[in-house]
Amino acid sequence: MKKSFETSFTGWAFVLAAILLWFGWVLSPHHIGEYIVASDFTKIGDSVWFWIWMYRFHIFGWVTMGISMFALLSIITNRPYRTVVLPGIGMIIVGTFTLAIANAFYYNFGAWGVGKTAGLSAAEIQEFIDDILFTNQYVTCFIRFGRIFSGVGFVLLGAAFLKWNLVSKWLGWFTVLFGLAAMGIILGIPDNFEIYKPLFHVKVLWLLVMGITLLTKGINLPKEVA
């Protein structure tokens, strides 16, 4: 088992990502749903700066998750398992930043919309919402495919964990099963953010477990095979 500055840095990156993602979400005074509606601006406006900062923490959680995955990639790129690890982590990173971009849409239009709709009539606010509906619809696709892309990556990464015993067996199975669940739920039940929400909390738990594992146990790196 390898324990070093590399595993410590990577472990803390995973833990920080979990903290930023989860607390940014939980402490937010208002959560926008799948589509922005007129009442969102009123609720955000009640504590707009606190809402903005919580969303910033949340978005930087996605960014930190990307950093943690890149750091993990730098540790486990030896042969032969890099053939599975590289595409696995690569897909997770693609999915992570797709989700970050999608969340940036809700952050931007939520905060901007508070000022933009101030003093407008109900009809004018509805016209504003109708104008951003096309973009909003496109962003819902970002949410779904970001999670599907990540799900594919989790399956591949978990398979590498299991085949080469890089981490504990149960953590390898956790990784595989989470990836399968993410793909299965979103492909089988499209356009339902309420059902997607538990996946976010499970991902945060996975990040935390990965971080603690790397900090306490390190990672098992079999000798490179020619």
Protein backbone atom coordinates (compact mmCIF):
# COMPACT_ATOMS: atom_id res chain seq x y z
CA MET A 1 0.00 0.00 0.00
CA LYS A 2 1.42 3.38 -0.99
CA LYS A 3 1.07 6.31 1.43
CA SER A 4 2.86 9.50 0.48
CA PHE A 5 2.41 13.20 -0.15
CA GLU A 6 0.64 12.21 -3.38
CA THR A 7 -1.98 10.09 -1.66
CA SER A 8 -2.41 12.68 1.11
CA PHE A 9 -2.96 15.53 -1.36
CA THR A 10 -5.38 13.42 -3.38
CA GLY A 11 -7.22 12.28 -0.26
CA TRP A 12 -7.68 15.84 1.01
CA ALA A 13 -8.86 16.92 -2.45
CA PHE A 14 -11.58 14.26 -2.31
CA VAL A 15 -12.63 15.32 1.20
CA LEU A 16 -12.68 19.02 0.27
CA ALA A 17 -14.76 18.27 -2.83
CA ALA A 18 -17.31 16.41 -0.69
CA ILE A 19 -17.49 19.27 1.82
CA LEU A 20 -17.90 22.01 -0.78
CA LEU A 21 -20.46 20.08 -2.80
CA TRP A 22 -22.62 18.96 0.10
CA PHE A 23 -22.55 22.01 2.36
CA GLY A 24 -22.95 24.35 -0.61
CA TRP A 25 -26.12 22.43 -1.44
CA VAL A 26 -27.51 21.84 2.06
CA LEU A 27 -26.92 25.40 3.31
CA SER A 28 -28.40 27.03 0.22
CA PRO A 29 -31.60 28.88 1.19
CA HIS A 30 -33.31 27.90 -2.05
CA HIS A 31 -32.93 25.13 -4.62
CA ILE A 32 -33.95 25.75 -8.22
CA GLY A 33 -35.75 22.83 -9.81
CA GLU A 34 -35.37 21.39 -13.27
CA TYR A 35 -36.73 24.57 -14.80
CA ILE A 36 -36.46 28.14 -13.48
CA VAL A 37 -39.85 29.54 -12.48
CA ALA A 38 -40.99 33.00 -11.41
CA SER A 39 -41.12 32.14 -7.71
CA ASP A 40 -37.41 31.24 -7.77
CA PHE A 41 -36.42 34.90 -8.13
CA THR A 42 -38.51 35.94 -5.14
CA LYS A 43 -37.07 33.22 -2.92
CA ILE A 44 -33.49 33.84 -4.05
CA GLY A 45 -33.97 37.58 -3.57
CA ASP A 46 -34.79 37.07 0.12
CA SER A 47 -31.11 36.24 0.78
CA VAL A 48 -29.46 36.72 -2.59
CA TRP A 49 -25.83 37.10 -1.46
CA PHE A 50 -25.91 34.11 0.84
CA TRP A 51 -27.51 32.09 -1.98
CA ILE A 52 -24.78 33.26 -4.38
CA TRP A 53 -21.97 32.24 -2.03
CA MET A 54 -23.48 28.85 -1.31
CA TYR A 55 -23.80 28.21 -5.05
CA ARG A 56 -20.20 29.29 -5.53
CA PHE A 57 -19.09 26.77 -2.91
CA HIS A 58 -21.19 24.11 -4.64
CA ILE A 59 -19.75 24.82 -8.09
CA PHE A 60 -16.20 24.88 -6.73
CA GLY A 61 -17.00 21.50 -5.24
CA TRP A 62 -17.39 20.16 -8.77
CA VAL A 63 -14.13 21.84 -9.74
CA THR A 64 -12.36 20.32 -6.72
CA MET A 65 -13.78 16.92 -7.61
CA GLY A 66 -12.17 17.34 -11.03
CA ILE A 67 -8.87 18.18 -9.31
CA SER A 68 -9.15 15.10 -7.08
CA MET A 69 -9.75 12.86 -10.10
CA PHE A 70 -6.78 14.32 -11.97
CA ALA A 71 -4.66 13.78 -8.85
CA LEU A 72 -5.85 10.17 -8.57
CA LEU A 73 -5.05 9.69 -12.25
CA SER A 74 -1.47 10.87 -11.67
CA ILE A 75 -1.01 8.15 -9.04
CA ILE A 76 -2.50 5.14 -10.85
CA THR A 77 -1.26 5.34 -14.41
CA ASN A 78 1.06 2.34 -14.39
CA ARG A 79 0.60 -0.62 -16.69
CA PRO A 80 -1.51 -2.69 -17.12
CA TYR A 81 -4.38 -1.08 -15.25
CA ARG A 82 -3.99 2.35 -16.86
CA THR A 83 -5.85 0.98 -19.91
CA VAL A 84 -9.01 0.82 -17.77
CA VAL A 85 -8.21 3.61 -15.29
CA LEU A 86 -7.51 6.32 -17.89
CA PRO A 87 -10.84 6.10 -19.76
CA GLY A 88 -12.67 5.59 -16.46
CA ILE A 89 -11.33 8.70 -14.77
CA GLY A 90 -11.50 10.57 -18.07
CA MET A 91 -15.24 9.93 -18.33
CA ILE A 92 -15.78 10.96 -14.70
CA ILE A 93 -13.92 14.23 -15.36
CA VAL A 94 -15.96 14.91 -18.50
CA GLY A 95 -19.17 14.25 -16.57
CA THR A 96 -18.02 16.36 -13.61
CA PHE A 97 -17.32 19.46 -15.67
CA THR A 98 -20.50 18.97 -17.68
CA LEU A 99 -22.37 19.12 -14.36
CA ALA A 100 -20.33 22.15 -13.28
CA ILE A 101 -21.32 23.99 -16.46
CA ALA A 102 -24.98 23.05 -15.97
CA ASN A 103 -24.92 24.30 -12.38
CA ALA A 104 -23.28 27.53 -13.54
CA PHE A 105 -26.37 28.18 -15.68
CA TYR A 106 -28.71 27.95 -12.69
CA TYR A 107 -26.32 30.06 -10.63
CA ASN A 108 -26.00 32.78 -13.26
CA PHE A 109 -29.63 33.03 -14.28
CA GLY A 110 -30.84 32.71 -10.69
CA ALA A 111 -28.71 35.60 -9.44
CA TRP A 112 -29.03 37.72 -12.60
CA GLY A 113 -32.77 37.15 -12.77
CA VAL A 114 -33.34 38.67 -9.33
CA GLY A 115 -32.19 42.06 -10.56
CA LYS A 116 -33.53 41.60 -14.06
CA THR A 117 -37.09 40.91 -12.89
CA ALA A 118 -37.19 43.47 -10.07
CA GLY A 119 -40.22 45.73 -10.50
CA LEU A 120 -41.61 43.78 -13.46
CA SER A 121 -45.21 42.68 -13.72
CA ALA A 122 -46.14 38.99 -13.60
CA ALA A 123 -46.60 38.98 -17.38
CA GLU A 124 -43.18 40.57 -17.95
CA ILE A 125 -41.50 38.08 -15.61
CA GLN A 126 -43.16 35.22 -17.47
CA GLU A 127 -41.90 36.65 -20.76
CA PHE A 128 -38.36 36.71 -19.32
CA ILE A 129 -38.69 33.07 -18.21
CA ASP A 130 -40.04 32.08 -21.63
CA ASP A 131 -37.00 33.72 -23.25
CA ILE A 132 -34.59 31.49 -21.31
CA LEU A 133 -36.69 28.33 -21.64
CA PHE A 134 -34.79 27.05 -24.69
CA THR A 135 -31.45 27.36 -22.88
CA ASN A 136 -32.93 25.86 -19.73
CA GLN A 137 -34.15 22.86 -21.69
CA TYR A 138 -30.69 22.38 -23.15
CA VAL A 139 -29.12 22.56 -19.68
CA THR A 140 -31.39 19.78 -18.38
CA CYS A 141 -29.70 17.62 -21.02
CA PHE A 142 -26.33 18.64 -19.56
CA ILE A 143 -27.49 17.43 -16.15
CA ARG A 144 -28.62 14.05 -17.46
CA PHE A 145 -25.63 13.36 -19.66
CA GLY A 146 -23.15 14.67 -17.10
CA ARG A 147 -24.40 12.00 -14.73
CA ILE A 148 -24.48 9.32 -17.41
CA PHE A 149 -20.92 10.13 -18.52
CA SER A 150 -19.80 10.00 -14.89
CA GLY A 151 -21.67 6.72 -14.42
CA VAL A 152 -19.76 5.10 -17.26
CA GLY A 153 -16.51 6.32 -15.73
CA PHE A 154 -17.42 4.98 -12.28
CA VAL A 155 -18.11 1.54 -13.73
CA LEU A 156 -14.73 1.45 -15.46
CA LEU A 157 -12.85 2.85 -12.45
CA GLY A 158 -14.60 0.41 -10.12
CA ALA A 159 -13.72 -2.47 -12.43
CA ALA A 160 -10.06 -1.43 -12.24
CA PHE A 161 -10.29 -1.18 -8.45
CA LEU A 162 -11.63 -4.72 -8.27
CA LYS A 163 -9.40 -6.38 -10.86
CA TRP A 164 -6.11 -5.04 -9.49
CA ASN A 165 -7.12 -4.61 -5.81
CA LEU A 166 -6.20 -0.93 -5.85
CA VAL A 167 -8.54 -0.28 -2.90
CA SER A 168 -10.75 -2.40 -0.63
CA LYS A 169 -13.12 -4.77 -2.44
CA TRP A 170 -16.22 -3.17 -0.93
CA LEU A 171 -15.13 0.26 -2.18
CA GLY A 172 -14.58 -1.20 -5.64
CA TRP A 173 -18.10 -2.64 -5.64
CA PHE A 174 -19.49 0.62 -4.28
CA THR A 175 -17.90 2.42 -7.23
CA VAL A 176 -19.23 -0.03 -9.83
CA LEU A 177 -22.76 -0.19 -8.40
CA PHE A 178 -23.00 3.59 -8.11
CA GLY A 179 -22.00 3.95 -11.76
CA LEU A 180 -24.58 1.39 -12.86
CA ALA A 181 -27.28 3.07 -10.75
CA ALA A 182 -26.48 6.50 -12.19
CA MET A 183 -26.77 5.24 -15.76
CA GLY A 184 -29.78 3.02 -15.15
CA ILE A 185 -31.90 5.55 -13.26
CA ILE A 186 -31.30 8.42 -15.67
CA LEU A 187 -31.70 6.33 -18.83
CA GLY A 188 -34.76 4.57 -17.44
CA ILE A 189 -36.44 7.59 -15.80
CA PRO A 190 -35.63 10.72 -17.82
CA ASP A 191 -36.48 14.28 -16.77
CA ASN A 192 -37.06 13.75 -13.06
CA PHE A 193 -34.73 15.81 -10.89
CA GLU A 194 -36.35 14.61 -7.66
CA ILE A 195 -35.30 11.02 -8.40
CA TYR A 196 -31.84 12.18 -9.48
CA LYS A 197 -31.18 13.99 -6.17
CA PRO A 198 -30.21 10.89 -4.15
CA LEU A 199 -27.47 10.19 -6.71
CA PHE A 200 -25.83 13.47 -5.76
CA HIS A 201 -25.74 12.57 -2.06
CA VAL A 202 -24.36 9.10 -2.81
CA LYS A 203 -21.63 10.68 -4.96
CA VAL A 204 -20.68 12.98 -2.08
CA LEU A 205 -20.48 9.95 0.21
CA TRP A 206 -18.24 8.19 -2.33
CA LEU A 207 -15.93 11.21 -2.48
CA LEU A 208 -15.69 11.29 1.30
CA VAL A 209 -15.00 7.55 1.55
CA MET A 210 -12.34 7.76 -1.17
CA GLY A 211 -10.67 10.66 0.60
CA ILE A 212 -10.62 8.94 3.99
CA THR A 213 -9.36 5.71 2.41
CA LEU A 214 -6.47 7.46 0.69
CA LEU A 215 -5.56 9.39 3.83
CA THR A 216 -5.66 6.41 6.19
CA LYS A 217 -4.70 3.44 4.03
CA GLY A 218 -3.18 4.87 0.85
CA ILE A 219 -3.58 2.91 -2.36
CA ASN A 220 -2.33 -0.49 -3.46
CA LEU A 221 -0.12 -0.21 -6.52
CA PRO A 222 0.93 -3.58 -7.99
CA LYS A 223 4.27 -3.61 -9.75
CA GLU A 224 4.20 -2.50 -13.35
CA VAL A 225 3.81 -5.29 -15.84
CA ALA A 226 5.82 -5.00 -19.08
